[in-house]
């Protein structure tokens, strides 16, 4: 049975922990390419288990895979957006790329959750999660650029701040998506 009050606390906490792990994963070369998506998927799967019912092995695996694919898609979408629209290398251009990448990553995570977890409202999930991903994608890039360019800490401190922001923010809206929008399956 779902404990809504617990979900509103558990999801952001696990999202924050995944964000810290994701930020640390950018320190060893090459890990930051897929590890943040993997950690976020684990956080979502464990959050669901902590405040609701046990997931079947394929549901947990699908959430981790979907989140990992979502992160890679966010990276690729941001790069392609940069290549196709060539808005330059300034802050406004970065915010655009962050919004596009955050939306793409959030959309894949949302689609995975809506397909894998019963009783998720498909409409709410496909609206809230991608737009929250887009909003926090902008914050991700703004904070990352600011920390890298205007503070003495630079990298990897920027990732230790930005990943927890995005992953906590997106994880926090997921409990709001729970509620059936499809008939129960028996």
N, C-alpha and C. Protein backbone atom coordinates (compact mmCIF):
# COMPACT_ATOMS: atom_id res chain seq x y z
N UNK A 1 0.83 -1.18 0.00
CA UNK A 1 0.00 0.00 0.00
C UNK A 1 0.88 1.25 0.00
N UNK A 2 0.46 2.24 -0.71
CA UNK A 2 1.24 3.46 -0.84
C UNK A 2 1.03 4.37 0.37
N UNK A 3 2.12 4.82 0.96
CA UNK A 3 2.07 5.79 2.04
C UNK A 3 2.50 7.13 1.44
N UNK A 4 1.51 7.95 1.05
CA UNK A 4 1.81 9.21 0.36
C UNK A 4 2.71 10.14 1.16
N UNK A 5 2.45 10.30 2.44
CA UNK A 5 3.26 11.22 3.24
C UNK A 5 4.72 10.79 3.24
N UNK A 6 4.95 9.51 3.35
CA UNK A 6 6.31 9.00 3.34
C UNK A 6 6.96 9.21 1.97
N UNK A 7 6.19 9.05 0.90
CA UNK A 7 6.73 9.24 -0.45
C UNK A 7 7.24 10.66 -0.68
N UNK A 8 6.51 11.64 -0.13
CA UNK A 8 6.91 13.03 -0.33
C UNK A 8 8.25 13.35 0.34
N UNK A 9 8.66 12.52 1.27
CA UNK A 9 9.95 12.69 1.95
C UNK A 9 11.00 11.78 1.34
N UNK A 10 10.62 10.52 1.11
CA UNK A 10 11.58 9.51 0.64
C UNK A 10 12.13 9.84 -0.75
N UNK A 11 11.27 10.18 -1.70
CA UNK A 11 11.74 10.44 -3.06
C UNK A 11 12.79 11.56 -3.13
N UNK A 12 12.55 12.73 -2.51
CA UNK A 12 13.61 13.75 -2.56
C UNK A 12 14.89 13.35 -1.84
N UNK A 13 14.77 12.63 -0.73
CA UNK A 13 15.98 12.21 -0.01
C UNK A 13 16.80 11.25 -0.86
N UNK A 14 16.15 10.26 -1.45
CA UNK A 14 16.88 9.32 -2.30
C UNK A 14 17.40 10.02 -3.56
N UNK A 15 16.63 10.98 -4.09
CA UNK A 15 17.10 11.75 -5.24
C UNK A 15 18.35 12.55 -4.91
N UNK A 16 18.37 13.14 -3.71
CA UNK A 16 19.55 13.90 -3.27
C UNK A 16 20.76 12.98 -3.14
N UNK A 17 20.57 11.82 -2.52
CA UNK A 17 21.68 10.86 -2.36
C UNK A 17 22.21 10.40 -3.72
N UNK A 18 21.28 10.15 -4.66
CA UNK A 18 21.70 9.77 -6.01
C UNK A 18 22.45 10.91 -6.68
N UNK A 19 22.02 12.15 -6.41
CA UNK A 19 22.71 13.31 -6.98
C UNK A 19 24.13 13.43 -6.48
N UNK A 20 24.35 13.17 -5.21
CA UNK A 20 25.71 13.19 -4.66
C UNK A 20 26.55 12.11 -5.31
N UNK A 21 26.00 10.89 -5.42
CA UNK A 21 26.73 9.79 -6.08
C UNK A 21 27.01 10.15 -7.54
N UNK A 22 26.04 10.78 -8.19
CA UNK A 22 26.22 11.18 -9.59
C UNK A 22 27.32 12.21 -9.73
N UNK A 23 27.33 13.20 -8.83
CA UNK A 23 28.39 14.20 -8.86
C UNK A 23 29.76 13.59 -8.64
N UNK A 24 29.84 12.65 -7.72
CA UNK A 24 31.12 11.97 -7.47
C UNK A 24 31.52 11.09 -8.66
N UNK A 25 30.54 10.59 -9.39
CA UNK A 25 30.86 9.70 -10.52
C UNK A 25 31.53 10.45 -11.67
N UNK A 26 31.46 11.76 -11.66
CA UNK A 26 32.12 12.51 -12.74
C UNK A 26 33.60 12.69 -12.50
N UNK A 27 34.08 12.34 -11.32
CA UNK A 27 35.50 12.51 -11.01
C UNK A 27 36.36 11.50 -11.77
N UNK A 28 36.07 10.18 -11.69
CA UNK A 28 36.86 9.24 -12.51
C UNK A 28 36.51 9.41 -13.99
N UNK A 29 37.49 9.46 -14.85
CA UNK A 29 37.21 9.66 -16.27
C UNK A 29 36.29 8.58 -16.84
N UNK A 30 35.28 9.04 -17.59
CA UNK A 30 34.38 8.14 -18.30
C UNK A 30 33.14 7.72 -17.53
N UNK A 31 33.17 7.75 -16.22
CA UNK A 31 32.02 7.29 -15.43
C UNK A 31 30.83 8.22 -15.56
N UNK A 32 31.09 9.49 -15.72
CA UNK A 32 30.01 10.47 -15.78
C UNK A 32 29.15 10.40 -17.02
N UNK A 33 29.49 9.52 -17.95
CA UNK A 33 28.71 9.41 -19.18
C UNK A 33 27.39 8.69 -18.94
N UNK A 34 27.39 7.64 -18.10
CA UNK A 34 26.14 6.92 -17.84
C UNK A 34 25.82 6.75 -16.36
N UNK A 35 26.79 6.87 -15.48
CA UNK A 35 26.58 6.61 -14.06
C UNK A 35 25.50 7.48 -13.42
N UNK A 36 25.38 8.78 -13.74
CA UNK A 36 24.32 9.57 -13.11
C UNK A 36 22.91 9.03 -13.39
N UNK A 37 22.67 8.58 -14.59
CA UNK A 37 21.37 7.99 -14.91
C UNK A 37 21.14 6.70 -14.15
N UNK A 38 22.19 5.90 -14.02
CA UNK A 38 22.11 4.64 -13.28
C UNK A 38 21.78 4.91 -11.81
N UNK A 39 22.49 5.85 -11.19
CA UNK A 39 22.25 6.17 -9.79
C UNK A 39 20.84 6.72 -9.57
N UNK A 40 20.38 7.55 -10.50
CA UNK A 40 19.03 8.11 -10.37
C UNK A 40 17.98 7.01 -10.51
N UNK A 41 18.19 6.08 -11.41
CA UNK A 41 17.27 4.96 -11.56
C UNK A 41 17.22 4.10 -10.30
N UNK A 42 18.38 3.84 -9.71
CA UNK A 42 18.40 3.10 -8.45
C UNK A 42 17.63 3.86 -7.37
N UNK A 43 17.82 5.16 -7.30
CA UNK A 43 17.12 5.96 -6.30
C UNK A 43 15.61 5.89 -6.49
N UNK A 44 15.15 5.96 -7.72
CA UNK A 44 13.72 5.88 -7.97
C UNK A 44 13.16 4.51 -7.61
N UNK A 45 13.88 3.46 -7.97
CA UNK A 45 13.42 2.11 -7.65
C UNK A 45 13.39 1.89 -6.13
N UNK A 46 14.44 2.31 -5.44
CA UNK A 46 14.48 2.14 -3.99
C UNK A 46 13.46 3.04 -3.29
N UNK A 47 13.21 4.22 -3.83
CA UNK A 47 12.19 5.10 -3.27
C UNK A 47 10.82 4.44 -3.34
N UNK A 48 10.54 3.87 -4.49
CA UNK A 48 9.25 3.22 -4.66
C UNK A 48 9.11 2.06 -3.67
N UNK A 49 10.16 1.29 -3.51
CA UNK A 49 10.12 0.16 -2.58
C UNK A 49 9.99 0.64 -1.13
N UNK A 50 10.58 1.78 -0.80
CA UNK A 50 10.56 2.27 0.58
C UNK A 50 9.19 2.81 0.99
N UNK A 51 8.42 3.34 0.05
CA UNK A 51 7.16 3.96 0.44
C UNK A 51 5.93 3.29 -0.16
N UNK A 52 6.10 2.27 -0.92
CA UNK A 52 4.95 1.60 -1.53
C UNK A 52 5.12 0.09 -1.39
N UNK A 53 4.89 -0.62 -2.46
CA UNK A 53 5.01 -2.07 -2.45
C UNK A 53 6.28 -2.50 -3.16
N UNK A 54 6.62 -3.75 -2.97
CA UNK A 54 7.82 -4.27 -3.65
C UNK A 54 7.62 -4.27 -5.15
N UNK A 55 8.69 -3.95 -5.82
CA UNK A 55 8.70 -4.03 -7.28
C UNK A 55 9.12 -5.42 -7.71
N UNK A 56 8.59 -5.86 -8.82
CA UNK A 56 9.10 -7.08 -9.42
C UNK A 56 10.49 -6.77 -9.98
N UNK A 57 11.31 -7.78 -10.15
CA UNK A 57 12.69 -7.55 -10.60
C UNK A 57 12.71 -6.80 -11.93
N UNK A 58 11.76 -7.11 -12.82
CA UNK A 58 11.76 -6.46 -14.13
C UNK A 58 11.33 -5.00 -14.03
N UNK A 59 10.50 -4.66 -13.05
CA UNK A 59 10.11 -3.26 -12.87
C UNK A 59 11.30 -2.42 -12.39
N UNK A 60 12.00 -2.91 -11.39
CA UNK A 60 13.17 -2.18 -10.90
C UNK A 60 14.24 -2.05 -11.97
N UNK A 61 14.45 -3.15 -12.71
CA UNK A 61 15.44 -3.12 -13.79
C UNK A 61 15.03 -2.14 -14.88
N UNK A 62 13.75 -2.11 -15.22
CA UNK A 62 13.26 -1.18 -16.25
C UNK A 62 13.43 0.27 -15.82
N UNK A 63 13.20 0.55 -14.54
CA UNK A 63 13.37 1.92 -14.05
C UNK A 63 14.83 2.34 -14.13
N UNK A 64 15.74 1.46 -13.74
CA UNK A 64 17.17 1.79 -13.81
C UNK A 64 17.60 1.97 -15.26
N UNK A 65 17.17 1.08 -16.13
CA UNK A 65 17.53 1.20 -17.55
C UNK A 65 16.92 2.45 -18.16
N UNK A 66 15.65 2.71 -17.85
CA UNK A 66 14.98 3.89 -18.39
C UNK A 66 15.65 5.18 -17.95
N UNK A 67 16.06 5.23 -16.70
CA UNK A 67 16.74 6.42 -16.19
C UNK A 67 18.11 6.60 -16.84
N UNK A 68 18.82 5.49 -17.02
CA UNK A 68 20.13 5.56 -17.67
C UNK A 68 20.00 6.01 -19.11
N UNK A 69 19.03 5.46 -19.81
CA UNK A 69 18.77 5.87 -21.20
C UNK A 69 18.34 7.34 -21.23
N UNK A 70 17.53 7.74 -20.25
CA UNK A 70 17.10 9.14 -20.17
C UNK A 70 18.27 10.09 -20.00
N UNK A 71 19.23 9.71 -19.16
CA UNK A 71 20.40 10.58 -18.96
C UNK A 71 21.24 10.68 -20.24
N UNK A 72 21.46 9.55 -20.88
CA UNK A 72 22.23 9.57 -22.13
C UNK A 72 21.48 10.38 -23.19
N UNK A 73 20.16 10.22 -23.24
CA UNK A 73 19.35 10.99 -24.20
C UNK A 73 19.43 12.48 -23.89
N UNK A 74 19.46 12.84 -22.62
CA UNK A 74 19.59 14.26 -22.25
C UNK A 74 20.92 14.82 -22.74
N UNK A 75 21.98 14.05 -22.56
CA UNK A 75 23.29 14.50 -23.05
C UNK A 75 23.29 14.67 -24.56
N UNK A 76 22.78 13.66 -25.26
CA UNK A 76 22.77 13.70 -26.73
C UNK A 76 21.88 14.81 -27.24
N UNK A 77 20.71 14.97 -26.62
CA UNK A 77 19.78 16.02 -27.04
C UNK A 77 20.39 17.40 -26.84
N UNK A 78 21.09 17.59 -25.73
CA UNK A 78 21.75 18.89 -25.49
C UNK A 78 22.81 19.15 -26.54
N UNK A 79 23.59 18.13 -26.87
CA UNK A 79 24.64 18.29 -27.88
C UNK A 79 24.04 18.57 -29.24
N UNK A 80 23.00 17.82 -29.60
CA UNK A 80 22.35 18.05 -30.90
C UNK A 80 21.69 19.42 -30.97
N UNK A 81 21.11 19.85 -29.86
CA UNK A 81 20.51 21.18 -29.81
C UNK A 81 21.58 22.24 -30.03
N UNK A 82 22.73 22.03 -29.43
CA UNK A 82 23.84 22.95 -29.63
C UNK A 82 24.28 22.98 -31.09
N UNK A 83 24.34 21.80 -31.70
CA UNK A 83 24.79 21.72 -33.10
C UNK A 83 23.78 22.31 -34.06
N UNK A 84 22.49 22.04 -33.84
CA UNK A 84 21.46 22.47 -34.79
C UNK A 84 21.12 23.95 -34.65
N UNK A 85 21.08 24.46 -33.44
CA UNK A 85 20.62 25.83 -33.24
C UNK A 85 21.76 26.82 -33.05
N UNK A 86 22.94 26.36 -32.72
CA UNK A 86 24.14 27.17 -32.59
C UNK A 86 23.84 28.56 -32.03
N UNK A 87 23.41 28.57 -30.78
CA UNK A 87 23.11 29.82 -30.12
C UNK A 87 24.33 30.45 -29.47
N UNK A 88 25.45 29.82 -29.68
CA UNK A 88 26.68 30.35 -29.12
C UNK A 88 27.09 29.60 -27.87
N UNK A 89 27.94 30.26 -27.09
CA UNK A 89 28.50 29.60 -25.92
C UNK A 89 28.22 30.39 -24.64
N UNK A 90 27.26 31.32 -24.69
CA UNK A 90 26.98 32.15 -23.53
C UNK A 90 26.01 31.49 -22.56
N UNK A 91 25.66 32.23 -21.53
CA UNK A 91 24.76 31.73 -20.49
C UNK A 91 23.38 31.42 -21.05
N UNK A 92 22.82 32.31 -21.87
CA UNK A 92 21.48 32.05 -22.42
C UNK A 92 21.44 30.81 -23.29
N UNK A 93 22.48 30.62 -24.07
CA UNK A 93 22.55 29.41 -24.90
C UNK A 93 22.63 28.17 -24.01
N UNK A 94 23.44 28.24 -22.97
CA UNK A 94 23.55 27.12 -22.05
C UNK A 94 22.23 26.80 -21.38
N UNK A 95 21.47 27.83 -21.02
CA UNK A 95 20.17 27.61 -20.40
C UNK A 95 19.22 26.91 -21.37
N UNK A 96 19.30 27.28 -22.64
CA UNK A 96 18.48 26.61 -23.66
C UNK A 96 18.86 25.14 -23.76
N UNK A 97 20.14 24.86 -23.81
CA UNK A 97 20.59 23.47 -23.93
C UNK A 97 20.22 22.67 -22.68
N UNK A 98 20.29 23.30 -21.52
CA UNK A 98 19.89 22.64 -20.28
C UNK A 98 18.40 22.32 -20.26
N UNK A 99 17.60 23.25 -20.76
CA UNK A 99 16.15 23.04 -20.81
C UNK A 99 15.81 21.89 -21.74
N UNK A 100 16.43 21.87 -22.90
CA UNK A 100 16.16 20.81 -23.88
C UNK A 100 16.61 19.46 -23.34
N UNK A 101 17.81 19.40 -22.79
CA UNK A 101 18.31 18.14 -22.24
C UNK A 101 17.52 17.68 -21.03
N UNK A 102 17.17 18.61 -20.13
CA UNK A 102 16.38 18.25 -18.96
C UNK A 102 15.00 17.73 -19.32
N UNK A 103 14.40 18.34 -20.35
CA UNK A 103 13.09 17.87 -20.80
C UNK A 103 13.19 16.47 -21.39
N UNK A 104 14.19 16.25 -22.23
CA UNK A 104 14.35 14.94 -22.87
C UNK A 104 14.59 13.84 -21.83
N UNK A 105 15.48 14.10 -20.88
CA UNK A 105 15.75 13.12 -19.83
C UNK A 105 14.51 12.86 -18.99
N UNK A 106 13.82 13.93 -18.61
CA UNK A 106 12.61 13.80 -17.82
C UNK A 106 11.51 13.05 -18.55
N UNK A 107 11.41 13.27 -19.85
CA UNK A 107 10.38 12.59 -20.64
C UNK A 107 10.61 11.07 -20.67
N UNK A 108 11.84 10.66 -20.82
CA UNK A 108 12.12 9.22 -20.86
C UNK A 108 11.92 8.60 -19.48
N UNK A 109 12.31 9.29 -18.43
CA UNK A 109 12.06 8.79 -17.08
C UNK A 109 10.55 8.70 -16.85
N UNK A 110 9.81 9.72 -17.25
CA UNK A 110 8.36 9.73 -17.08
C UNK A 110 7.69 8.59 -17.84
N UNK A 111 8.10 8.40 -19.07
CA UNK A 111 7.52 7.32 -19.88
C UNK A 111 7.80 5.96 -19.24
N UNK A 112 8.99 5.79 -18.73
CA UNK A 112 9.35 4.53 -18.08
C UNK A 112 8.47 4.30 -16.86
N UNK A 113 8.33 5.31 -16.01
CA UNK A 113 7.52 5.17 -14.81
C UNK A 113 6.06 4.91 -15.15
N UNK A 114 5.53 5.64 -16.14
CA UNK A 114 4.13 5.48 -16.52
C UNK A 114 3.85 4.08 -17.08
N UNK A 115 4.83 3.51 -17.75
CA UNK A 115 4.65 2.18 -18.33
C UNK A 115 4.88 1.06 -17.33
N UNK A 116 5.78 1.27 -16.38
CA UNK A 116 6.22 0.18 -15.51
C UNK A 116 5.44 0.10 -14.21
N UNK A 117 5.08 1.23 -13.62
CA UNK A 117 4.42 1.24 -12.32
C UNK A 117 2.91 1.36 -12.51
N UNK A 118 2.16 0.38 -12.01
CA UNK A 118 0.70 0.48 -12.11
C UNK A 118 0.19 1.66 -11.27
N UNK A 119 -0.90 2.21 -11.69
CA UNK A 119 -1.59 3.30 -10.99
C UNK A 119 -0.89 4.64 -11.05
N UNK A 120 0.12 4.78 -11.89
CA UNK A 120 0.66 6.11 -12.12
C UNK A 120 -0.25 6.78 -13.13
N UNK A 121 -0.59 8.02 -12.89
CA UNK A 121 -1.39 8.78 -13.83
C UNK A 121 -0.50 9.10 -15.03
N UNK A 122 -0.85 8.54 -16.15
CA UNK A 122 -0.03 8.74 -17.35
C UNK A 122 0.02 10.22 -17.71
N UNK A 123 -1.13 10.89 -17.69
CA UNK A 123 -1.17 12.30 -18.07
C UNK A 123 -0.33 13.15 -17.12
N UNK A 124 -0.53 12.98 -15.82
CA UNK A 124 0.24 13.77 -14.85
C UNK A 124 1.72 13.48 -14.96
N UNK A 125 2.07 12.20 -15.12
CA UNK A 125 3.48 11.82 -15.19
C UNK A 125 4.14 12.43 -16.41
N UNK A 126 3.46 12.34 -17.56
CA UNK A 126 4.05 12.85 -18.80
C UNK A 126 4.02 14.37 -18.89
N UNK A 127 3.30 15.03 -18.00
CA UNK A 127 3.34 16.49 -17.93
C UNK A 127 4.31 16.99 -16.86
N UNK A 128 4.16 16.49 -15.65
CA UNK A 128 4.95 17.00 -14.53
C UNK A 128 6.44 16.68 -14.62
N UNK A 129 6.77 15.44 -14.87
CA UNK A 129 8.18 15.03 -14.81
C UNK A 129 9.02 15.70 -15.90
N UNK A 130 8.60 15.69 -17.18
CA UNK A 130 9.44 16.36 -18.18
C UNK A 130 9.58 17.88 -17.97
N UNK A 131 8.48 18.53 -17.57
CA UNK A 131 8.59 19.98 -17.37
C UNK A 131 9.40 20.32 -16.12
N UNK A 132 9.33 19.46 -15.11
CA UNK A 132 10.20 19.64 -13.95
C UNK A 132 11.65 19.40 -14.36
N UNK A 133 11.88 18.37 -15.19
CA UNK A 133 13.22 18.12 -15.72
C UNK A 133 13.75 19.29 -16.51
N UNK A 134 12.88 19.94 -17.28
CA UNK A 134 13.28 21.11 -18.06
C UNK A 134 13.64 22.27 -17.13
N UNK A 135 12.79 22.52 -16.14
CA UNK A 135 13.05 23.60 -15.19
C UNK A 135 14.37 23.39 -14.46
N UNK A 136 14.57 22.19 -13.95
CA UNK A 136 15.81 21.91 -13.22
C UNK A 136 17.00 21.75 -14.17
N UNK A 137 16.76 21.47 -15.43
CA UNK A 137 17.84 21.47 -16.42
C UNK A 137 18.41 22.87 -16.59
N UNK A 138 17.53 23.87 -16.56
CA UNK A 138 17.98 25.26 -16.63
C UNK A 138 18.79 25.61 -15.39
N UNK A 139 18.29 25.22 -14.22
CA UNK A 139 19.01 25.49 -12.96
C UNK A 139 20.34 24.74 -12.95
N UNK A 140 20.33 23.50 -13.45
CA UNK A 140 21.54 22.68 -13.53
C UNK A 140 22.64 23.44 -14.29
N UNK A 141 22.29 23.93 -15.47
CA UNK A 141 23.28 24.61 -16.30
C UNK A 141 23.68 25.94 -15.70
N UNK A 142 22.72 26.70 -15.19
CA UNK A 142 23.04 28.00 -14.61
C UNK A 142 24.02 27.84 -13.45
N UNK A 143 23.70 26.95 -12.53
CA UNK A 143 24.59 26.75 -11.37
C UNK A 143 25.94 26.17 -11.80
N UNK A 144 25.91 25.24 -12.76
CA UNK A 144 27.16 24.64 -13.24
C UNK A 144 28.07 25.67 -13.87
N UNK A 145 27.51 26.52 -14.72
CA UNK A 145 28.31 27.56 -15.38
C UNK A 145 28.81 28.56 -14.34
N UNK A 146 27.91 28.96 -13.45
CA UNK A 146 28.32 29.96 -12.45
C UNK A 146 29.45 29.42 -11.57
N UNK A 147 29.30 28.20 -11.08
CA UNK A 147 30.33 27.63 -10.20
C UNK A 147 31.64 27.45 -10.96
N UNK A 148 31.55 26.97 -12.20
CA UNK A 148 32.77 26.74 -12.98
C UNK A 148 33.49 28.03 -13.34
N UNK A 149 32.73 29.06 -13.70
CA UNK A 149 33.34 30.28 -14.22
C UNK A 149 33.58 31.37 -13.18
N UNK A 150 32.82 31.37 -12.08
CA UNK A 150 32.88 32.51 -11.17
C UNK A 150 33.26 32.16 -9.73
N UNK A 151 33.65 30.94 -9.49
CA UNK A 151 34.09 30.57 -8.14
C UNK A 151 35.44 29.87 -8.24
N UNK A 152 36.18 29.82 -7.17
CA UNK A 152 37.48 29.14 -7.22
C UNK A 152 37.37 27.61 -7.20
N UNK A 153 36.18 27.07 -6.94
CA UNK A 153 36.05 25.62 -6.77
C UNK A 153 36.02 24.87 -8.09
N UNK A 154 35.30 25.35 -9.09
CA UNK A 154 35.26 24.72 -10.41
C UNK A 154 34.81 23.29 -10.40
N UNK A 155 35.46 22.50 -11.24
CA UNK A 155 35.11 21.08 -11.37
C UNK A 155 35.92 20.26 -10.38
N UNK A 156 35.41 19.30 -9.70
CA UNK A 156 34.10 18.65 -9.78
C UNK A 156 33.05 19.24 -8.85
N UNK A 157 33.36 20.35 -8.16
CA UNK A 157 32.38 20.92 -7.24
C UNK A 157 31.09 21.29 -7.95
N UNK A 158 31.17 21.75 -9.19
CA UNK A 158 29.96 22.10 -9.93
C UNK A 158 29.02 20.91 -10.06
N UNK A 159 29.57 19.73 -10.33
CA UNK A 159 28.74 18.53 -10.46
C UNK A 159 28.20 18.06 -9.12
N UNK A 160 28.93 18.31 -8.05
CA UNK A 160 28.45 17.95 -6.71
C UNK A 160 27.27 18.82 -6.28
N UNK A 161 27.09 19.95 -6.94
CA UNK A 161 25.96 20.82 -6.65
C UNK A 161 24.83 20.58 -7.65
N UNK A 162 25.17 20.50 -8.94
CA UNK A 162 24.12 20.47 -9.96
C UNK A 162 23.36 19.15 -10.03
N UNK A 163 24.05 18.03 -9.92
CA UNK A 163 23.33 16.75 -9.98
C UNK A 163 22.33 16.59 -8.84
N UNK A 164 22.70 16.92 -7.59
CA UNK A 164 21.68 16.83 -6.54
C UNK A 164 20.49 17.77 -6.78
N UNK A 165 20.72 18.94 -7.37
CA UNK A 165 19.61 19.84 -7.66
C UNK A 165 18.61 19.19 -8.62
N UNK A 166 19.11 18.71 -9.77
CA UNK A 166 18.21 18.13 -10.77
C UNK A 166 17.54 16.87 -10.24
N UNK A 167 18.32 15.97 -9.67
CA UNK A 167 17.76 14.68 -9.27
C UNK A 167 16.82 14.82 -8.07
N UNK A 168 17.10 15.71 -7.15
CA UNK A 168 16.18 15.94 -6.03
C UNK A 168 14.89 16.57 -6.53
N UNK A 169 15.01 17.56 -7.40
CA UNK A 169 13.81 18.24 -7.92
C UNK A 169 12.90 17.32 -8.69
N UNK A 170 13.46 16.52 -9.57
CA UNK A 170 12.64 15.61 -10.37
C UNK A 170 12.06 14.50 -9.51
N UNK A 171 12.86 13.96 -8.61
CA UNK A 171 12.35 12.90 -7.73
C UNK A 171 11.22 13.43 -6.84
N UNK A 172 11.29 14.68 -6.43
CA UNK A 172 10.29 15.24 -5.53
C UNK A 172 8.90 15.33 -6.17
N UNK A 173 8.81 15.46 -7.49
CA UNK A 173 7.48 15.58 -8.11
C UNK A 173 6.87 14.22 -8.43
N UNK A 174 7.65 13.18 -8.39
CA UNK A 174 7.14 11.86 -8.79
C UNK A 174 5.98 11.39 -7.91
N UNK A 175 6.00 11.58 -6.58
CA UNK A 175 4.83 11.16 -5.80
C UNK A 175 3.53 11.86 -6.20
N UNK A 176 3.62 13.04 -6.77
CA UNK A 176 2.42 13.74 -7.22
C UNK A 176 1.79 13.08 -8.45
N UNK A 177 2.54 12.20 -9.09
CA UNK A 177 2.05 11.53 -10.30
C UNK A 177 1.27 10.26 -9.99
N UNK A 178 1.30 9.84 -8.74
CA UNK A 178 0.62 8.61 -8.39
C UNK A 178 -0.87 8.87 -8.29
N UNK A 179 -1.64 8.02 -8.89
CA UNK A 179 -3.09 8.13 -8.92
C UNK A 179 -3.55 7.60 -10.24
N UNK A 180 -4.49 6.74 -10.20
CA UNK A 180 -4.86 6.01 -11.40
C UNK A 180 -5.52 6.88 -12.46
N UNK A 181 -5.13 6.67 -13.67
CA UNK A 181 -5.81 7.31 -14.81
C UNK A 181 -6.20 6.22 -15.81
N UNK A 182 -6.11 4.99 -15.39
CA UNK A 182 -6.48 3.86 -16.23
C UNK A 182 -7.23 2.85 -15.37
N UNK A 183 -8.03 2.02 -15.97
CA UNK A 183 -8.80 1.06 -15.19
C UNK A 183 -7.90 0.05 -14.50
N UNK A 184 -8.29 -0.41 -13.30
CA UNK A 184 -7.47 -1.39 -12.61
C UNK A 184 -7.37 -2.69 -13.38
N UNK A 185 -6.22 -3.32 -13.29
CA UNK A 185 -6.02 -4.61 -13.97
C UNK A 185 -6.05 -5.71 -12.93
N UNK A 186 -6.88 -6.69 -13.14
CA UNK A 186 -6.96 -7.83 -12.20
C UNK A 186 -6.43 -9.07 -12.84
